[in-house]
Amino acid sequence: MRSVARGSRSAVAIKVGRQRILLLLDPALVGQLLVEHAAVTTKGPGVQLTRQMLGNGLLTSEGKPHDRARKLIAPAFSPRRLAGYTESFAERTRARTDGWHDGDTLDVHDEMACLTLDIVGRTLLGIDLTDRSSEIRGSLEAALQRFGEVGGGSLLIGGAGRRRSLGRRGRRPPAAMDTPSTAEADVHRVVDEVIEQHRRRPSDDRGDVVSALLSDGQVRAGMTDQEIHDHVITMIMAGHETTANALTWALFLVGRHPDIQARLHDEVDRLPAGGPGFSQLPDLPFTRAVISEAMRLYPPAWVLGRTLVVPLEFAGWHAPAGTLVGVSPLLLHHDPRWFDNPEEFDPDRWLDGRQKSLPRNAYLPFGTGPRACIGEQFAWAEAVTVLAVIASKWTIRTPSDLTPGAQYRVTLRPSGPVPLTVAARNAPRPRQAHEAKMFD
């Protein structure tokens, strides 16, 4: 994608097979597509492929079914709920990291994936998935692997154009997804069991997503059991996958930059015992800046595609109906027009005033417009809390020769294990002495 976009400023048009594609490179045009013209677009083919696994859930549905589900699910992400969730974020992180030992080398991606799955289960689904986390993780990983083999997550659809194709040559066609794999069947079975447990033990508290979807009411009326299933599986997948990736990249980067990690330790060491709670999150600006910068360098949702229902114009580019119009947060976040030294890990860019000069939509870790991520504030609170709890007890060491590969699929995720070493912090301890021993 960088090769295709090189030398272009507003947009670049390519043709892959019979598919017309317009890749937008200007934040102002991004706003036109995702905000102003949202009503005359549909999700792109990359997301459409995920319907094999996610059905018509919140990510893939369109129109009234999407709006109805979003209205039902929205209360689960309210500020009142977020305050309670934050306690769970911290408690589950402590429970997970209590199993770590000084000097352990851990696959941090697997650790964060298991942790965020546990959190999603207890908060959004209202159920304890701890005993089944390995089973669910294994099934999800196998399903994602299979999805990647058929080109899932690619903005474009195969073939080759006059410019270098963004599709993957030689992959199996989307029809290969027609038959669910054993892994996908396992995930669907778990979802059915989660829903059935809620049916057997209904709660007066309708705050979690499953209870909201099963509740009686005018908004809920007409929603089929299959739709409920599809929304729940979307919450499981999207609710843990993106945050796990963001935290993995953040820990990898923190472990590579001892000076930044020392500042992170300084900040979290000022928290009260047992923190952070929801009220302390504003006291963690540097922790949040670390997460912001990790998602700038490695945006979990690295590409967004929309198919035009009507013809549109973008800064002189004519896009007929049926054109696939793409936006890449990955390209925007690495564009030197918007970010100085874009390849550098620099959390201070979010604290020293530089962010105020960013054009709207130059930074898009959660999308924008009516289809922006409904769980954005949940994800921010979760990521900041998890990183703060880890930093309060542990020092992360990234091997100097470790450069994880990236998989560009539905999300931007590590292509394999991310082995980082964890060292227990023996606080309270003078920071200078601590640094001298850890990083000498």
Protein backbone atom coordinates (compact mmCIF):
# COMPACT_ATOMS: atom_id res chain seq x y z
CA MET A 1 0.00 0.00 0.00
CA ARG A 2 2.86 2.39 0.69
CA SER A 3 4.23 1.65 -2.76
CA VAL A 4 0.87 2.32 -4.39
CA ALA A 5 0.41 5.59 -2.49
CA ARG A 6 3.96 6.92 -2.93
CA GLY A 7 4.03 10.28 -4.70
CA SER A 8 0.29 10.90 -4.39
CA ARG A 9 -1.17 13.56 -2.11
CA SER A 10 -4.97 13.43 -2.19
CA ALA A 11 -5.86 9.99 -3.56
CA VAL A 12 -4.65 7.29 -5.90
CA ALA A 13 -6.86 5.32 -8.28
CA ILE A 14 -6.06 1.77 -9.32
CA LYS A 15 -7.90 -1.07 -10.97
CA VAL A 16 -7.56 -4.67 -9.81
CA GLY A 17 -9.27 -7.01 -12.22
CA ARG A 18 -12.63 -5.36 -12.83
CA GLN A 19 -12.69 -3.62 -9.47
CA ARG A 20 -12.20 0.16 -9.42
CA ILE A 21 -10.42 1.27 -6.28
CA LEU A 22 -9.81 4.78 -4.96
CA LEU A 23 -7.43 5.02 -2.00
CA LEU A 24 -7.87 8.28 -0.06
CA LEU A 25 -4.75 9.87 1.40
CA ASP A 26 -6.07 13.23 2.62
CA PRO A 27 -7.81 13.44 6.03
CA ALA A 28 -10.39 15.88 4.62
CA LEU A 29 -11.42 13.31 2.01
CA VAL A 30 -11.51 10.62 4.69
CA GLY A 31 -14.10 12.70 6.54
CA GLN A 32 -16.16 13.04 3.38
CA LEU A 33 -16.25 9.26 2.90
CA LEU A 34 -16.76 8.07 6.46
CA VAL A 35 -18.89 10.92 7.83
CA GLU A 36 -20.58 13.00 5.13
CA HIS A 37 -21.30 10.18 2.68
CA ALA A 38 -21.76 7.34 5.17
CA ALA A 39 -25.40 6.89 4.19
CA VAL A 40 -24.55 6.07 0.56
CA THR A 41 -21.82 3.53 1.22
CA THR A 42 -21.67 -0.07 2.40
CA LYS A 43 -18.87 -1.97 4.09
CA GLY A 44 -16.08 -3.06 1.75
CA PRO A 45 -15.31 -6.60 0.58
CA GLY A 46 -12.74 -7.29 3.30
CA VAL A 47 -15.42 -6.96 5.98
CA GLN A 48 -17.99 -8.75 3.83
CA LEU A 49 -15.74 -11.83 3.83
CA THR A 50 -15.93 -11.96 7.62
CA ARG A 51 -19.65 -12.73 7.40
CA GLN A 52 -18.74 -16.39 7.10
CA MET A 53 -17.69 -16.28 10.74
CA LEU A 54 -19.43 -13.19 12.17
CA GLY A 55 -22.71 -13.37 10.26
CA ASN A 56 -24.71 -10.13 10.32
CA GLY A 57 -23.28 -8.81 13.55
CA LEU A 58 -22.59 -5.22 14.49
CA LEU A 59 -19.44 -5.12 12.36
CA THR A 60 -20.99 -6.47 9.16
CA SER A 61 -24.68 -5.52 9.26
CA GLU A 62 -26.06 -2.51 7.40
CA GLY A 63 -29.00 -0.13 7.66
CA LYS A 64 -31.81 -0.65 10.16
CA PRO A 65 -30.52 -3.98 11.58
CA HIS A 66 -27.21 -2.30 12.41
CA ASP A 67 -28.87 0.78 13.92
CA ARG A 68 -31.20 -1.35 16.05
CA ALA A 69 -28.36 -3.48 17.41
CA ARG A 70 -26.22 -0.44 18.11
CA LYS A 71 -29.06 1.16 20.08
CA LEU A 72 -29.56 -2.02 22.12
CA ILE A 73 -25.88 -2.52 22.86
CA ALA A 74 -24.99 1.13 23.55
CA PRO A 75 -25.99 1.08 27.28
CA ALA A 76 -23.32 -1.56 27.92
CA PHE A 77 -20.73 1.10 27.00
CA SER A 78 -22.19 3.95 29.06
CA PRO A 79 -19.94 6.02 31.39
CA ARG A 80 -21.76 4.53 34.40
CA ARG A 81 -20.87 1.03 33.23
CA LEU A 82 -17.32 2.06 32.40
CA ALA A 83 -16.62 3.00 36.01
CA GLY A 84 -17.49 -0.53 37.13
CA TYR A 85 -15.66 -2.13 34.24
CA THR A 86 -12.41 -0.38 35.17
CA GLU A 87 -12.31 -2.22 38.49
CA SER A 88 -12.64 -5.47 36.57
CA PHE A 89 -9.89 -4.43 34.12
CA ALA A 90 -7.46 -3.93 37.01
CA GLU A 91 -8.53 -7.01 38.98
CA ARG A 92 -8.29 -9.37 36.02
CA THR A 93 -4.90 -7.94 35.00
CA ARG A 94 -3.56 -8.54 38.51
CA ALA A 95 -4.97 -12.07 38.45
CA ARG A 96 -3.30 -12.80 35.11
CA THR A 97 0.07 -11.29 35.97
CA ASP A 98 0.17 -12.95 39.39
CA GLY A 99 1.08 -16.07 37.44
CA TRP A 100 4.20 -14.39 36.02
CA HIS A 101 7.61 -14.94 37.65
CA ASP A 102 10.70 -12.78 37.74
CA GLY A 103 12.79 -13.52 34.67
CA ASP A 104 10.04 -15.31 32.73
CA THR A 105 10.07 -14.96 28.95
CA LEU A 106 6.45 -14.85 27.84
CA ASP A 107 4.60 -14.71 24.54
CA VAL A 108 3.04 -11.36 25.36
CA HIS A 109 0.60 -11.56 22.47
CA ASP A 110 -0.88 -14.76 23.87
CA GLU A 111 -0.92 -13.28 27.39
CA MET A 112 -2.77 -10.16 26.27
CA ALA A 113 -5.20 -12.14 24.13
CA CYS A 114 -6.13 -14.41 27.04
CA LEU A 115 -6.44 -11.42 29.38
CA THR A 116 -8.67 -9.38 27.07
CA LEU A 117 -10.86 -12.42 26.34
CA ASP A 118 -11.31 -12.88 30.10
CA ILE A 119 -12.21 -9.18 30.44
CA VAL A 120 -14.73 -9.26 27.59
CA GLY A 121 -16.39 -12.32 29.09
CA ARG A 122 -16.80 -10.81 32.55
CA THR A 123 -17.80 -7.30 31.48
CA LEU A 124 -19.60 -7.30 28.13
CA LEU A 125 -20.93 -10.88 28.19
CA GLY A 126 -21.54 -11.27 31.91
CA ILE A 127 -19.90 -14.70 32.08
CA ASP A 128 -16.64 -16.26 33.29
CA LEU A 129 -14.71 -17.69 30.33
CA THR A 130 -11.53 -18.47 32.30
CA ASP A 131 -11.89 -22.24 32.17
CA ARG A 132 -12.51 -22.12 28.44
CA SER A 133 -10.08 -19.40 27.43
CA SER A 134 -7.53 -21.82 25.93
CA GLU A 135 -10.24 -23.59 23.92
CA ILE A 136 -11.76 -20.34 22.68
CA ARG A 137 -8.38 -18.78 21.91
CA GLY A 138 -7.28 -21.84 19.98
CA SER A 139 -10.47 -21.88 17.94
CA LEU A 140 -10.30 -18.15 17.24
CA GLU A 141 -6.65 -18.38 16.18
CA ALA A 142 -7.40 -21.28 13.84
CA ALA A 143 -10.37 -19.43 12.37
CA LEU A 144 -8.33 -16.26 11.85
CA GLN A 145 -5.57 -18.29 10.20
CA ARG A 146 -8.06 -19.82 7.79
CA PHE A 147 -9.63 -16.45 7.15
CA GLY A 148 -6.21 -15.02 6.29
CA GLU A 149 -5.57 -17.83 3.82
CA VAL A 150 -8.53 -16.74 1.71
CA GLY A 151 -7.50 -13.10 1.75
CA GLY A 152 -9.59 -11.84 4.64
CA GLY A 153 -8.66 -8.35 5.71
CA SER A 154 -7.28 -7.40 2.32
CA LEU A 155 -8.77 -4.15 1.08
CA LEU A 156 -8.74 -5.33 -2.50
CA ILE A 157 -9.90 -8.40 -4.33
CA GLY A 158 -7.07 -10.39 -5.91
CA GLY A 159 -5.84 -10.02 -9.46
CA ALA A 160 -3.22 -7.60 -10.70
CA GLY A 161 -3.51 -4.08 -11.99
CA ARG A 162 -1.13 -1.77 -13.79
CA ARG A 163 0.04 -0.60 -10.37
CA ARG A 164 1.21 -3.26 -7.94
CA SER A 165 -1.74 -5.30 -6.69
CA LEU A 166 -2.61 -5.09 -3.01
CA GLY A 167 -4.27 -8.51 -3.16
CA ARG A 168 -2.51 -11.76 -2.34
CA ARG A 169 -1.59 -13.87 -5.35
CA GLY A 170 -2.48 -17.51 -5.36
CA ARG A 171 -4.90 -17.44 -2.47
CA ARG A 172 -8.05 -19.51 -2.48
CA PRO A 173 -11.18 -17.68 -3.64
CA PRO A 174 -13.75 -16.43 -1.11
CA ALA A 175 -15.96 -19.41 -1.98
CA ALA A 176 -13.55 -21.48 0.09
CA MET A 177 -15.12 -19.89 3.16
CA ASP A 178 -18.53 -21.37 2.39
CA THR A 179 -17.94 -24.42 4.60
CA PRO A 180 -17.19 -23.55 8.24
CA SER A 181 -14.06 -25.10 9.68
CA THR A 182 -14.00 -27.14 12.88
CA ALA A 183 -12.47 -24.16 14.68
CA GLU A 184 -15.28 -21.86 13.57
CA ALA A 185 -17.85 -24.43 14.59
CA ASP A 186 -16.25 -24.57 18.05
CA VAL A 187 -16.53 -20.79 18.45
CA HIS A 188 -20.18 -20.83 17.37
CA ARG A 189 -20.89 -23.59 19.87
CA VAL A 190 -19.39 -21.56 22.71
CA VAL A 191 -21.48 -18.54 21.69
CA ASP A 192 -24.64 -20.65 21.75
CA GLU A 193 -23.73 -21.89 25.23
CA VAL A 194 -23.16 -18.32 26.50
CA ILE A 195 -26.57 -17.25 25.19
CA GLU A 196 -28.27 -20.34 26.62
CA GLN A 197 -26.78 -19.70 30.07
CA HIS A 198 -28.28 -16.21 30.01
CA ARG A 199 -31.66 -17.60 28.97
CA ARG A 200 -31.62 -20.08 31.86
CA ARG A 201 -30.47 -17.50 34.41
CA PRO A 202 -31.90 -14.14 33.34
CA SER A 203 -30.74 -11.13 35.31
CA ASP A 204 -32.56 -7.97 36.30
CA ASP A 205 -29.36 -6.15 35.36
CA ARG A 206 -29.62 -5.62 31.61
CA GLY A 207 -26.24 -3.88 31.39
CA ASP A 208 -24.22 -6.59 29.66
CA VAL A 209 -24.53 -7.08 25.91
CA VAL A 210 -26.14 -10.54 26.00
CA SER A 211 -28.82 -9.49 28.50
CA ALA A 212 -29.58 -6.42 26.38
CA LEU A 213 -29.97 -8.53 23.25
CA LEU A 214 -32.26 -10.99 25.03
CA SER A 215 -34.39 -8.32 26.73
CA ASP A 216 -38.00 -7.63 25.84
CA GLY A 217 -38.90 -4.29 24.32
CA GLN A 218 -39.79 -2.41 21.19
CA VAL A 219 -36.21 -2.04 19.99
CA ARG A 220 -35.49 -5.73 20.54
CA ALA A 221 -38.77 -6.84 18.86
CA GLY A 222 -38.19 -8.80 15.68
CA MET A 223 -34.54 -9.65 16.32
CA THR A 224 -33.94 -13.29 15.45
CA ASP A 225 -31.92 -15.80 17.44
CA GLN A 226 -29.38 -15.82 14.61
CA GLU A 227 -28.95 -12.06 14.84
CA ILE A 228 -28.38 -12.32 18.59
CA HIS A 229 -25.79 -15.03 17.98
CA ASP A 230 -24.02 -12.91 15.36
CA HIS A 231 -23.83 -9.84 17.62
CA VAL A 232 -22.41 -11.89 20.51
CA ILE A 233 -19.70 -13.54 18.40
CA THR A 234 -18.77 -10.11 17.05
CA MET A 235 -18.35 -8.83 20.63
CA ILE A 236 -16.11 -11.78 21.49
CA MET A 237 -13.94 -11.35 18.41
CA ALA A 238 -13.75 -7.56 18.14
CA GLY A 239 -13.89 -6.97 21.89
CA HIS A 240 -10.63 -8.74 22.62
CA GLU A 241 -8.66 -9.01 19.38
CA THR A 242 -8.01 -5.31 18.74
CA THR A 243 -7.14 -4.40 22.33
CA ALA A 244 -4.88 -7.45 22.67
CA ASN A 245 -2.98 -6.33 19.58
CA ALA A 246 -2.68 -2.74 20.79
CA LEU A 247 -1.36 -3.84 24.19
CA THR A 248 1.09 -6.30 22.63
CA TRP A 249 2.62 -3.63 20.41
CA ALA A 250 2.68 -1.17 23.33
CA LEU A 251 4.58 -3.59 25.60
CA PHE A 252 6.98 -4.47 22.80
CA LEU A 253 7.75 -0.77 22.27
CA VAL A 254 7.99 0.05 25.98
CA GLY A 255 10.46 -2.78 26.49
CA ARG A 256 12.60 -1.40 23.68
CA HIS A 257 12.76 2.12 25.17
CA PRO A 258 14.00 2.05 28.81
CA ASP A 259 13.72 5.83 29.16
CA ILE A 260 10.04 5.75 28.26
CA GLN A 261 9.46 2.78 30.55
CA ALA A 262 11.09 4.67 33.45
CA ARG A 263 8.68 7.58 32.92
CA LEU A 264 5.79 5.14 32.79
CA HIS A 265 6.92 3.65 36.12
CA ASP A 266 7.17 7.11 37.65
CA GLU A 267 3.60 7.91 36.67
CA VAL A 268 1.97 4.69 37.84
CA ASP A 269 3.94 4.72 41.09
CA ARG A 270 1.96 7.81 42.09
CA LEU A 271 -1.31 5.89 41.99
CA PRO A 272 -3.03 4.90 45.25
CA ALA A 273 -2.72 1.27 46.30
CA GLY A 274 -5.03 -0.94 44.30
CA GLY A 275 -5.32 1.57 41.45
CA PRO A 276 -6.11 2.65 38.95
CA GLY A 277 -9.82 3.10 39.31
CA PHE A 278 -11.96 4.94 36.81
CA SER A 279 -11.45 8.25 38.62
CA GLN A 280 -7.65 7.89 38.38
CA LEU A 281 -7.51 7.41 34.59
CA PRO A 282 -7.17 11.17 33.95
CA ASP A 283 -4.08 11.07 36.19
CA LEU A 284 -2.32 8.80 33.68
CA PRO A 285 -1.67 11.07 30.67
CA PHE A 286 1.70 9.51 29.84
CA THR A 287 0.29 5.97 30.05
CA ARG A 288 -2.46 6.99 27.64
CA ALA A 289 0.11 8.68 25.38
CA VAL A 290 2.06 5.40 25.20
CA ILE A 291 -1.11 3.59 24.08
CA SER A 292 -1.91 6.40 21.60
CA GLU A 293 1.54 6.18 20.07
CA ALA A 294 1.50 2.38 19.87
CA MET A 295 -1.81 2.57 17.97
CA ARG A 296 -0.39 5.25 15.70
CA LEU A 297 2.49 3.01 14.69
CA TYR A 298 0.41 -0.19 14.67
CA PRO A 299 -3.28 0.74 14.23
CA PRO A 300 -5.35 -2.38 14.98
CA ALA A 301 -7.86 -1.43 12.26
CA TRP A 302 -5.23 -0.71 9.61
CA VAL A 303 -7.54 -0.40 6.60
CA LEU A 304 -11.19 0.55 6.09
CA GLY A 305 -13.11 -0.01 2.87
CA ARG A 306 -16.43 1.33 1.63
CA THR A 307 -18.33 0.45 -1.55
CA LEU A 308 -20.18 3.38 -3.11
CA VAL A 309 -23.91 2.99 -3.71
CA VAL A 310 -24.04 6.24 -5.76
CA PRO A 311 -21.37 8.08 -7.78
CA LEU A 312 -19.31 10.60 -5.79
CA GLU A 313 -16.53 13.11 -6.31
CA PHE A 314 -13.41 13.31 -4.14
CA ALA A 315 -11.20 16.34 -4.84
CA GLY A 316 -11.67 16.00 -8.57
CA TRP A 317 -11.62 12.21 -8.62
CA HIS A 318 -14.83 10.79 -10.10
CA ALA A 319 -15.87 7.55 -8.38
CA PRO A 320 -18.79 5.74 -10.07
CA ALA A 321 -21.25 3.65 -8.07
CA GLY A 322 -19.65 0.33 -7.22
CA THR A 323 -16.21 1.86 -6.69
CA LEU A 324 -14.36 0.56 -3.66
CA VAL A 325 -13.01 3.54 -1.71
CA GLY A 326 -10.34 2.77 0.85
CA VAL A 327 -8.87 4.55 3.84
CA SER A 328 -5.75 3.29 5.57
CA PRO A 329 -5.10 4.54 9.11
CA LEU A 330 -1.69 2.86 8.70
CA LEU A 331 -0.82 5.21 5.82
CA LEU A 332 -2.31 8.27 7.53
CA HIS A 333 -0.46 7.57 10.79
CA HIS A 334 2.89 7.24 9.00
CA ASP A 335 2.47 10.26 6.73
CA PRO A 336 5.17 12.92 7.44
CA ARG A 337 2.70 15.64 6.42
CA TRP A 338 0.74 14.97 9.61
CA PHE A 339 3.35 13.42 11.93
CA ASP A 340 6.97 14.55 12.22
CA ASN A 341 9.45 11.66 12.38
CA PRO A 342 6.56 9.26 11.75
CA GLU A 343 8.59 6.06 12.25
CA GLU A 344 9.78 7.13 15.71
CA PHE A 345 8.07 5.92 18.90
CA ASP A 346 7.43 9.28 20.56
CA PRO A 347 4.60 9.37 23.15
CA ASP A 348 5.40 13.04 23.86
CA ARG A 349 3.79 14.01 20.56
CA TRP A 350 0.45 13.50 22.36
CA LEU A 351 1.42 15.72 25.30
CA ASP A 352 3.46 18.66 24.02
CA GLY A 353 0.84 20.36 21.87
CA ARG A 354 1.75 18.83 18.52
CA GLN A 355 -1.52 16.89 18.44
CA LYS A 356 -3.45 20.16 18.34
CA SER A 357 -2.18 20.84 14.82
CA LEU A 358 -3.31 17.47 13.46
CA PRO A 359 -6.01 17.68 10.80
CA ARG A 360 -9.27 16.02 11.78
CA ASN A 361 -9.21 12.35 10.74
CA ALA A 362 -5.41 12.15 10.43
CA TYR A 363 -5.47 9.83 13.47
CA LEU A 364 -8.08 7.09 13.23
CA PRO A 365 -7.43 4.19 15.61
CA PHE A 366 -11.20 3.58 15.97
CA GLY A 367 -12.59 4.91 12.71
CA THR A 368 -15.03 7.81 12.57
CA GLY A 369 -18.59 8.63 11.61
CA PRO A 370 -21.73 6.62 12.35
CA ARG A 371 -19.84 3.34 11.94
CA ALA A 372 -17.05 4.29 14.37
CA CYS A 373 -16.21 1.66 16.98
CA ILE A 374 -18.97 1.58 19.62
CA GLY A 375 -16.47 0.37 22.20
CA GLU A 376 -13.88 3.14 21.77
CA GLN A 377 -14.09 4.50 25.32
CA PHE A 378 -14.20 0.95 26.72
CA ALA A 379 -11.03 0.11 24.78
CA TRP A 380 -9.20 3.26 25.92
CA ALA A 381 -10.05 2.62 29.57
CA GLU A 382 -9.12 -1.06 29.28
CA ALA A 383 -5.78 -0.49 27.55
CA VAL A 384 -4.69 2.31 29.89
CA THR A 385 -5.71 0.33 32.98
CA VAL A 386 -4.00 -2.88 31.87
CA LEU A 387 -0.76 -1.10 30.95
CA ALA A 388 -0.76 0.83 34.25
CA VAL A 389 -1.26 -2.33 36.34
CA ILE A 390 1.50 -4.18 34.47
CA ALA A 391 3.90 -1.23 34.75
CA SER A 392 3.27 -0.93 38.48
CA LYS A 393 4.64 -4.43 39.13
CA TRP A 394 6.80 -5.37 36.17
CA THR A 395 9.63 -4.17 33.95
CA ILE A 396 9.45 -5.33 30.35
CA ARG A 397 12.61 -6.24 28.45
CA THR A 398 12.44 -6.53 24.68
CA PRO A 399 15.32 -8.46 23.07
CA SER A 400 17.42 -6.09 20.96
CA ASP A 401 17.12 -8.34 17.91
CA LEU A 402 13.34 -8.84 18.16
CA THR A 403 11.33 -7.33 15.32
CA PRO A 404 7.94 -9.07 15.18
CA GLY A 405 6.45 -9.55 11.76
CA ALA A 406 2.97 -8.18 11.14
CA GLN A 407 -0.09 -9.84 9.63
CA TYR A 408 -2.31 -7.48 7.69
CA ARG A 409 -5.67 -9.17 8.04
CA VAL A 410 -8.89 -7.95 9.63
CA THR A 411 -6.57 -6.41 12.21
CA LEU A 412 -2.87 -5.60 12.23
CA ARG A 413 -1.57 -8.34 14.51
CA PRO A 414 1.83 -9.93 15.18
CA SER A 415 2.56 -12.77 12.76
CA GLY A 416 3.94 -15.00 15.51
CA PRO A 417 4.89 -15.09 19.19
CA VAL A 418 6.22 -11.90 20.79
CA PRO A 419 8.67 -13.21 23.44
CA LEU A 420 9.37 -10.52 26.04
CA THR A 421 11.05 -10.98 29.41
CA VAL A 422 9.37 -9.70 32.56
CA ALA A 423 11.29 -8.60 35.65
CA ALA A 424 9.54 -8.03 38.95
CA ARG A 425 9.78 -4.52 40.37
CA ASN A 426 10.59 -4.39 44.08
CA ALA A 427 8.87 -1.12 44.88
CA PRO A 428 9.23 1.11 46.74
CA ARG A 429 12.68 1.64 45.38
CA PRO A 430 14.58 4.78 44.24
CA ARG A 431 14.08 5.08 40.52
CA GLN A 432 17.72 5.83 39.72
CA ALA A 433 18.96 2.74 41.55
CA HIS A 434 16.25 0.65 39.92
CA GLU A 435 17.19 1.82 36.45
CA ALA A 436 20.90 1.27 37.06
CA LYS A 437 20.31 -2.38 37.98
CA MET A 438 17.75 -3.10 35.31
CA PHE A 439 19.38 -1.42 32.34
CA ASP A 440 23.09 -1.28 33.15
